[in-house]
Amino acid sequence: MPLISDGRGVGAMIIGATSEDVTATTASHLRGAIGNQIVQSVALARSVARLTASEQRYRTLLENANDLIAVKSADENAT
């Protein structure tokens, strides 16, 4: 069974059993549910990894900046 996320293959799942018909409708629904959970877990892990890498890049940039960096929100009045 292919594992697909956003139209891209992220892996494959092989299911086998000796005492159950894994091609039955009930087993098919179970395979789909398990596959969806795996795909969501992989997607979440990738998102967390990208966020962590991005945070590290910007943390390094700000900690090593030689110039003053100021952040002002748009709703603050200019003086």
PDB file of N, CA and C in Angstrom:
ATOM      1  N   MET A   1       0.852  -1.173   0.000  1.00  0.00           N
ATOM      2  CA  MET A   1       0.000   0.000   0.000  1.00  0.00           C
ATOM      3  C   MET A   1       0.897   1.234   0.000  1.00  0.00           C
ATOM      4  N   PRO A   2       0.756   2.118  -1.002  1.00  0.00           N
ATOM      5  CA  PRO A   2       1.579   3.327  -1.021  1.00  0.00           C
ATOM      6  C   PRO A   2       1.111   4.324   0.045  1.00  0.00           C
ATOM      7  N   LEU A   3       2.040   5.039   0.607  1.00  0.00           N
ATOM      8  CA  LEU A   3       1.734   6.110   1.561  1.00  0.00           C
ATOM      9  C   LEU A   3       1.994   7.421   0.840  1.00  0.00           C
ATOM     10  N   ILE A   4       0.940   8.222   0.666  1.00  0.00           N
ATOM     11  CA  ILE A   4       1.013   9.430  -0.145  1.00  0.00           C
ATOM     12  C   ILE A   4       0.614  10.639   0.687  1.00  0.00           C
ATOM     13  N   SER A   5       1.417  11.712   0.591  1.00  0.00           N
ATOM     14  CA  SER A   5       1.135  12.970   1.280  1.00  0.00           C
ATOM     15  C   SER A   5       1.279  14.102   0.278  1.00  0.00           C
ATOM     16  N   ASP A   6       0.247  14.892   0.120  1.00  0.00           N
ATOM     17  CA  ASP A   6       0.249  16.019  -0.824  1.00  0.00           C
ATOM     18  C   ASP A   6       0.644  15.580  -2.230  1.00  0.00           C
ATOM     19  N   GLY A   7       0.159  14.418  -2.643  1.00  0.00           N
ATOM     20  CA  GLY A   7       0.425  13.926  -3.977  1.00  0.00           C
ATOM     21  C   GLY A   7       1.803  13.329  -4.185  1.00  0.00           C
ATOM     22  N   ARG A   8       2.606  13.249  -3.133  1.00  0.00           N
ATOM     23  CA  ARG A   8       3.958  12.691  -3.238  1.00  0.00           C
ATOM     24  C   ARG A   8       4.039  11.427  -2.392  1.00  0.00           C
ATOM     25  N   GLY A   9       4.728  10.443  -2.906  1.00  0.00           N
ATOM     26  CA  GLY A   9       4.934   9.219  -2.152  1.00  0.00           C
ATOM     27  C   GLY A   9       5.904   9.442  -1.010  1.00  0.00           C
ATOM     28  N   VAL A  10       5.546   8.993   0.181  1.00  0.00           N
ATOM     29  CA  VAL A  10       6.425   9.130   1.341  1.00  0.00           C
ATOM     30  C   VAL A  10       6.861   7.776   1.872  1.00  0.00           C
ATOM     31  N   GLY A  11       6.350   6.704   1.280  1.00  0.00           N
ATOM     32  CA  GLY A  11       6.734   5.374   1.736  1.00  0.00           C
ATOM     33  C   GLY A  11       5.745   4.340   1.257  1.00  0.00           C
ATOM     34  N   ALA A  12       5.906   3.152   1.789  1.00  0.00           N
ATOM     35  CA  ALA A  12       5.006   2.054   1.455  1.00  0.00           C
ATOM     36  C   ALA A  12       4.770   1.222   2.703  1.00  0.00           C
ATOM     37  N   MET A  13       3.606   0.605   2.761  1.00  0.00           N
ATOM     38  CA  MET A  13       3.259  -0.235   3.898  1.00  0.00           C
ATOM     39  C   MET A  13       2.865  -1.602   3.346  1.00  0.00           C
ATOM     40  N   ILE A  14       3.450  -2.634   3.922  1.00  0.00           N
ATOM     41  CA  ILE A  14       3.128  -3.999   3.522  1.00  0.00           C
ATOM     42  C   ILE A  14       2.439  -4.674   4.702  1.00  0.00           C
ATOM     43  N   ILE A  15       1.265  -5.221   4.442  1.00  0.00           N
ATOM     44  CA  ILE A  15       0.500  -5.889   5.494  1.00  0.00           C
ATOM     45  C   ILE A  15       0.281  -7.340   5.076  1.00  0.00           C
ATOM     46  N   GLY A  16       0.515  -8.228   5.988  1.00  0.00           N
ATOM     47  CA  GLY A  16       0.281  -9.643   5.722  1.00  0.00           C
ATOM     48  C   GLY A  16      -0.273 -10.309   6.971  1.00  0.00           C
ATOM     49  N   ALA A  17      -1.001 -11.359   6.777  1.00  0.00           N
ATOM     50  CA  ALA A  17      -1.570 -12.098   7.897  1.00  0.00           C
ATOM     51  C   ALA A  17      -1.755 -13.550   7.485  1.00  0.00           C
ATOM     52  N   THR A  18      -1.695 -14.428   8.456  1.00  0.00           N
ATOM     53  CA  THR A  18      -1.885 -15.850   8.167  1.00  0.00           C
ATOM     54  C   THR A  18      -3.292 -16.320   8.493  1.00  0.00           C
ATOM     55  N   SER A  19      -3.996 -15.583   9.342  1.00  0.00           N
ATOM     56  CA  SER A  19      -5.323 -16.057   9.754  1.00  0.00           C
ATOM     57  C   SER A  19      -6.457 -15.122   9.340  1.00  0.00           C
ATOM     58  N   GLU A  20      -6.160 -14.033   8.660  1.00  0.00           N
ATOM     59  CA  GLU A  20      -7.183 -13.072   8.230  1.00  0.00           C
ATOM     60  C   GLU A  20      -7.056 -12.830   6.740  1.00  0.00           C
ATOM     61  N   ASP A  21      -8.175 -12.509   6.097  1.00  0.00           N
ATOM     62  CA  ASP A  21      -8.162 -12.104   4.697  1.00  0.00           C
ATOM     63  C   ASP A  21      -7.916 -10.598   4.675  1.00  0.00           C
ATOM     64  N   VAL A  22      -6.694 -10.195   4.403  1.00  0.00           N
ATOM     65  CA  VAL A  22      -6.341  -8.773   4.451  1.00  0.00           C
ATOM     66  C   VAL A  22      -6.876  -8.008   3.246  1.00  0.00           C
ATOM     67  N   THR A  23      -7.537  -8.688   2.328  1.00  0.00           N
ATOM     68  CA  THR A  23      -8.159  -8.002   1.195  1.00  0.00           C
ATOM     69  C   THR A  23      -9.635  -7.723   1.451  1.00  0.00           C
ATOM     70  N   ALA A  24     -10.164  -8.160   2.590  1.00  0.00           N
ATOM     71  CA  ALA A  24     -11.580  -7.937   2.921  1.00  0.00           C
ATOM     72  C   ALA A  24     -11.834  -6.453   3.144  1.00  0.00           C
ATOM     73  N   THR A  25     -13.103  -6.051   3.028  1.00  0.00           N
ATOM     74  CA  THR A  25     -13.488  -4.643   3.163  1.00  0.00           C
ATOM     75  C   THR A  25     -13.080  -4.069   4.517  1.00  0.00           C
ATOM     76  N   THR A  26     -13.329  -4.804   5.592  1.00  0.00           N
ATOM     77  CA  THR A  26     -12.981  -4.316   6.930  1.00  0.00           C
ATOM     78  C   THR A  26     -11.474  -4.106   7.049  1.00  0.00           C
ATOM     79  N   ALA A  27     -10.714  -5.064   6.569  1.00  0.00           N
ATOM     80  CA  ALA A  27      -9.254  -4.935   6.619  1.00  0.00           C
ATOM     81  C   ALA A  27      -8.794  -3.773   5.740  1.00  0.00           C
ATOM     82  N   SER A  28      -9.480  -3.560   4.636  1.00  0.00           N
ATOM     83  CA  SER A  28      -9.135  -2.459   3.734  1.00  0.00           C
ATOM     84  C   SER A  28      -9.316  -1.115   4.434  1.00  0.00           C
ATOM     85  N   HIS A  29     -10.405  -0.957   5.174  1.00  0.00           N
ATOM     86  CA  HIS A  29     -10.633   0.284   5.926  1.00  0.00           C
ATOM     87  C   HIS A  29      -9.575   0.463   7.010  1.00  0.00           C
ATOM     88  N   LEU A  30      -9.219  -0.632   7.663  1.00  0.00           N
ATOM     89  CA  LEU A  30      -8.191  -0.571   8.703  1.00  0.00           C
ATOM     90  C   LEU A  30      -6.843  -0.184   8.093  1.00  0.00           C
ATOM     91  N   ARG A  31      -6.487  -0.787   6.943  1.00  0.00           N
ATOM     92  CA  ARG A  31      -5.239  -0.419   6.260  1.00  0.00           C
ATOM     93  C   ARG A  31      -5.218   1.064   5.927  1.00  0.00           C
ATOM     94  N   GLY A  32      -6.340   1.558   5.409  1.00  0.00           N
ATOM     95  CA  GLY A  32      -6.414   2.971   5.050  1.00  0.00           C
ATOM     96  C   GLY A  32      -6.235   3.876   6.260  1.00  0.00           C
ATOM     97  N   ALA A  33      -6.875   3.507   7.381  1.00  0.00           N
ATOM     98  CA  ALA A  33      -6.769   4.318   8.597  1.00  0.00           C
ATOM     99  C   ALA A  33      -5.340   4.309   9.132  1.00  0.00           C
ATOM    100  N   ILE A  34      -4.724   3.144   9.150  1.00  0.00           N
ATOM    101  CA  ILE A  34      -3.341   3.051   9.631  1.00  0.00           C
ATOM    102  C   ILE A  34      -2.414   3.829   8.700  1.00  0.00           C
ATOM    103  N   GLY A  35      -2.619   3.670   7.401  1.00  0.00           N
ATOM    104  CA  GLY A  35      -1.806   4.402   6.431  1.00  0.00           C
ATOM    105  C   GLY A  35      -1.923   5.905   6.603  1.00  0.00           C
ATOM    106  N   ASN A  36      -3.148   6.387   6.812  1.00  0.00           N
ATOM    107  CA  ASN A  36      -3.354   7.826   7.018  1.00  0.00           C
ATOM    108  C   ASN A  36      -2.638   8.319   8.269  1.00  0.00           C
ATOM    109  N   GLN A  37      -2.675   7.542   9.338  1.00  0.00           N
ATOM    110  CA  GLN A  37      -1.993   7.934  10.570  1.00  0.00           C
ATOM    111  C   GLN A  37      -0.487   8.013  10.354  1.00  0.00           C
ATOM    112  N   ILE A  38       0.055   7.050   9.623  1.00  0.00           N
ATOM    113  CA  ILE A  38       1.494   7.051   9.353  1.00  0.00           C
ATOM    114  C   ILE A  38       1.872   8.270   8.520  1.00  0.00           C
ATOM    115  N   VAL A  39       1.094   8.556   7.474  1.00  0.00           N
ATOM    116  CA  VAL A  39       1.373   9.711   6.617  1.00  0.00           C
ATOM    117  C   VAL A  39       1.306  11.010   7.422  1.00  0.00           C
ATOM    118  N   GLN A  40       0.309  11.144   8.293  1.00  0.00           N
ATOM    119  CA  GLN A  40       0.201  12.351   9.116  1.00  0.00           C
ATOM    120  C   GLN A  40       1.388  12.472  10.064  1.00  0.00           C
ATOM    121  N   SER A  41       1.834  11.359  10.628  1.00  0.00           N
ATOM    122  CA  SER A  41       2.988  11.388  11.529  1.00  0.00           C
ATOM    123  C   SER A  41       4.256  11.803  10.794  1.00  0.00           C
ATOM    124  N   VAL A  42       4.449  11.266   9.589  1.00  0.00           N
ATOM    125  CA  VAL A  42       5.622  11.629   8.786  1.00  0.00           C
ATOM    126  C   VAL A  42       5.566  13.113   8.424  1.00  0.00           C
ATOM    127  N   ALA A  43       4.395  13.596   8.012  1.00  0.00           N
ATOM    128  CA  ALA A  43       4.247  15.008   7.637  1.00  0.00           C
ATOM    129  C   ALA A  43       4.506  15.914   8.839  1.00  0.00           C
ATOM    130  N   LEU A  44       4.000  15.530  10.005  1.00  0.00           N
ATOM    131  CA  LEU A  44       4.224  16.328  11.213  1.00  0.00           C
ATOM    132  C   LEU A  44       5.703  16.348  11.582  1.00  0.00           C
ATOM    133  N   ALA A  45       6.362  15.204  11.501  1.00  0.00           N
ATOM    134  CA  ALA A  45       7.793  15.144  11.830  1.00  0.00           C
ATOM    135  C   ALA A  45       8.598  16.015  10.875  1.00  0.00           C
ATOM    136  N   ARG A  46       8.246  15.998   9.603  1.00  0.00           N
ATOM    137  CA  ARG A  46       8.948  16.848   8.633  1.00  0.00           C
ATOM    138  C   ARG A  46       8.706  18.326   8.913  1.00  0.00           C
ATOM    139  N   SER A  47       7.491  18.682   9.279  1.00  0.00           N
ATOM    140  CA  SER A  47       7.179  20.085   9.596  1.00  0.00           C
ATOM    141  C   SER A  47       7.964  20.554  10.806  1.00  0.00           C
ATOM    142  N   VAL A  48       8.025  19.728  11.837  1.00  0.00           N
ATOM    143  CA  VAL A  48       8.775  20.082  13.044  1.00  0.00           C
ATOM    144  C   VAL A  48      10.260  20.224  12.718  1.00  0.00           C
ATOM    145  N   ALA A  49      10.787  19.343  11.887  1.00  0.00           N
ATOM    146  CA  ALA A  49      12.205  19.426  11.502  1.00  0.00           C
ATOM    147  C   ALA A  49      12.488  20.713  10.730  1.00  0.00           C
ATOM    148  N   ARG A  50      11.580  21.077   9.800  1.00  0.00           N
ATOM    149  CA  ARG A  50      11.775  22.329   9.047  1.00  0.00           C
ATOM    150  C   ARG A  50      11.680  23.532   9.977  1.00  0.00           C
ATOM    151  N   LEU A  51      10.732  23.531  10.892  1.00  0.00           N
ATOM    152  CA  LEU A  51      10.578  24.639  11.833  1.00  0.00           C
ATOM    153  C   LEU A  51      11.804  24.769  12.728  1.00  0.00           C
ATOM    154  N   THR A  52      12.314  23.652  13.203  1.00  0.00           N
ATOM    155  CA  THR A  52      13.502  23.668  14.061  1.00  0.00           C
ATOM    156  C   THR A  52      14.707  24.224  13.308  1.00  0.00           C
ATOM    157  N   ALA A  53      14.891  23.792  12.065  1.00  0.00           N
ATOM    158  CA  ALA A  53      16.016  24.285  11.253  1.00  0.00           C
ATOM    159  C   ALA A  53      15.867  25.781  10.982  1.00  0.00           C
ATOM    160  N   SER A  54      14.646  26.219  10.696  1.00  0.00           N
ATOM    161  CA  SER A  54      14.403  27.634  10.433  1.00  0.00           C
ATOM    162  C   SER A  54      14.677  28.475  11.681  1.00  0.00           C
ATOM    163  N   GLU A  55      14.199  28.001  12.813  1.00  0.00           N
ATOM    164  CA  GLU A  55      14.432  28.729  14.061  1.00  0.00           C
ATOM    165  C   GLU A  55      15.924  28.830  14.358  1.00  0.00           C
ATOM    166  N   GLN A  56      16.661  27.754  14.117  1.00  0.00           N
ATOM    167  CA  GLN A  56      18.100  27.769  14.365  1.00  0.00           C
ATOM    168  C   GLN A  56      18.814  28.754  13.439  1.00  0.00           C
ATOM    169  N   ARG A  57      18.400  28.812  12.172  1.00  0.00           N
ATOM    170  CA  ARG A  57      19.015  29.767  11.233  1.00  0.00           C
ATOM    171  C   ARG A  57      18.797  31.197  11.708  1.00  0.00           C
ATOM    172  N   TYR A  58      17.564  31.540  12.063  1.00  0.00           N
ATOM    173  CA  TYR A  58      17.280  32.915  12.476  1.00  0.00           C
ATOM    174  C   TYR A  58      17.888  33.234  13.835  1.00  0.00           C
ATOM    175  N   ARG A  59      17.942  32.264  14.731  1.00  0.00           N
ATOM    176  CA  ARG A  59      18.588  32.492  16.031  1.00  0.00           C
ATOM    177  C   ARG A  59      20.072  32.795  15.822  1.00  0.00           C
ATOM    178  N   THR A  60      20.714  32.019  14.958  1.00  0.00           N
ATOM    179  CA  THR A  60      22.131  32.248  14.652  1.00  0.00           C
ATOM    180  C   THR A  60      22.324  33.615  14.011  1.00  0.00           C
ATOM    181  N   LEU A  61      21.455  33.972  13.086  1.00  0.00           N
ATOM    182  CA  LEU A  61      21.535  35.268  12.422  1.00  0.00           C
ATOM    183  C   LEU A  61      21.429  36.409  13.431  1.00  0.00           C
ATOM    184  N   LEU A  62      20.439  36.348  14.308  1.00  0.00           N
ATOM    185  CA  LEU A  62      20.236  37.433  15.271  1.00  0.00           C
ATOM    186  C   LEU A  62      21.324  37.477  16.337  1.00  0.00           C
ATOM    187  N   GLU A  63      21.779  36.323  16.796  1.00  0.00           N
ATOM    188  CA  GLU A  63      22.809  36.306  17.831  1.00  0.00           C
ATOM    189  C   GLU A  63      24.160  36.798  17.310  1.00  0.00           C
ATOM    190  N   ASN A  64      24.381  36.689  16.010  1.00  0.00           N
ATOM    191  CA  ASN A  64      25.664  37.090  15.440  1.00  0.00           C
ATOM    192  C   ASN A  64      25.578  38.385  14.632  1.00  0.00           C
ATOM    193  N   ALA A  65      24.479  39.096  14.753  1.00  0.00           N
ATOM    194  CA  ALA A  65      24.308  40.339  14.000  1.00  0.00           C
ATOM    195  C   ALA A  65      25.202  41.432  14.581  1.00  0.00           C
ATOM    196  N   ASN A  66      25.839  42.171  13.703  1.00  0.00           N
ATOM    197  CA  ASN A  66      26.692  43.276  14.135  1.00  0.00           C
ATOM    198  C   ASN A  66      25.924  44.595  14.185  1.00  0.00           C
ATOM    199  N   ASP A  67      24.727  44.624  13.620  1.00  0.00           N
ATOM    200  CA  ASP A  67      23.920  45.830  13.580  1.00  0.00           C
ATOM    201  C   ASP A  67      22.753  45.702  14.550  1.00  0.00           C
ATOM    202  N   LEU A  68      22.193  46.855  14.930  1.00  0.00           N
ATOM    203  CA  LEU A  68      21.030  46.882  15.802  1.00  0.00           C
ATOM    204  C   LEU A  68      19.819  46.357  15.033  1.00  0.00           C
ATOM    205  N   ILE A  69      19.077  45.488  15.660  1.00  0.00           N
ATOM    206  CA  ILE A  69      17.847  44.971  15.069  1.00  0.00           C
ATOM    207  C   ILE A  69      16.709  45.339  16.008  1.00  0.00           C
ATOM    208  N   ALA A  70      15.745  46.097  15.492  1.00  0.00           N
ATOM    209  CA  ALA A  70      14.593  46.504  16.284  1.00  0.00           C
ATOM    210  C   ALA A  70      13.329  46.014  15.589  1.00  0.00           C
ATOM    211  N   VAL A  71      12.355  45.616  16.389  1.00  0.00           N
ATOM    212  CA  VAL A  71      11.089  45.142  15.849  1.00  0.00           C
ATOM    213  C   VAL A  71       9.993  46.034  16.392  1.00  0.00           C
ATOM    214  N   LYS A  72       9.182  46.571  15.494  1.00  0.00           N
ATOM    215  CA  LYS A  72       8.097  47.456  15.886  1.00  0.00           C
ATOM    216  C   LYS A  72       6.825  46.947  15.237  1.00  0.00           C
ATOM    217  N   SER A  73       5.772  46.837  16.000  1.00  0.00           N
ATOM    218  CA  SER A  73       4.522  46.371  15.413  1.00  0.00           C
ATOM    219  C   SER A  73       3.842  47.497  14.646  1.00  0.00           C
ATOM    220  N   ALA A  74       2.995  47.106  13.713  1.00  0.00           N
ATOM    221  CA  ALA A  74       2.331  48.086  12.842  1.00  0.00           C
ATOM    222  C   ALA A  74       1.365  48.980  13.590  1.00  0.00           C
ATOM    223  N   ASP A  75       0.847  48.549  14.744  1.00  0.00           N
ATOM    224  CA  ASP A  75      -0.147  49.346  15.455  1.00  0.00           C
ATOM    225  C   ASP A  75       0.472  50.353  16.426  1.00  0.00           C
ATOM    226  N   GLU A  76       1.799  50.367  16.561  1.00  0.00           N
ATOM    227  CA  GLU A  76       2.443  51.351  17.424  1.00  0.00           C
ATOM    228  C   GLU A  76       2.484  52.719  16.711  1.00  0.00           C
ATOM    229  N   ASN A  77       2.264  53.790  17.454  1.00  0.00           N
ATOM    230  CA  ASN A  77       2.300  55.125  16.880  1.00  0.00           C
ATOM    231  C   ASN A  77       3.739  55.560  16.645  1.00  0.00           C
ATOM    232  N   ALA A  78       3.978  56.127  15.486  1.00  0.00           N
ATOM    233  CA  ALA A  78       5.317  56.646  15.177  1.00  0.00           C
ATOM    234  C   ALA A  78       5.500  57.980  15.879  1.00  0.00           C
ATOM    235  N   THR A  79       6.676  58.189  16.429  1.00  0.00           N
ATOM    236  CA  THR A  79       6.930  59.463  17.127  1.00  0.00           C
ATOM    237  C   THR A  79       8.043  60.226  16.477  1.00  0.00           C
TER     238      THR A  79
END
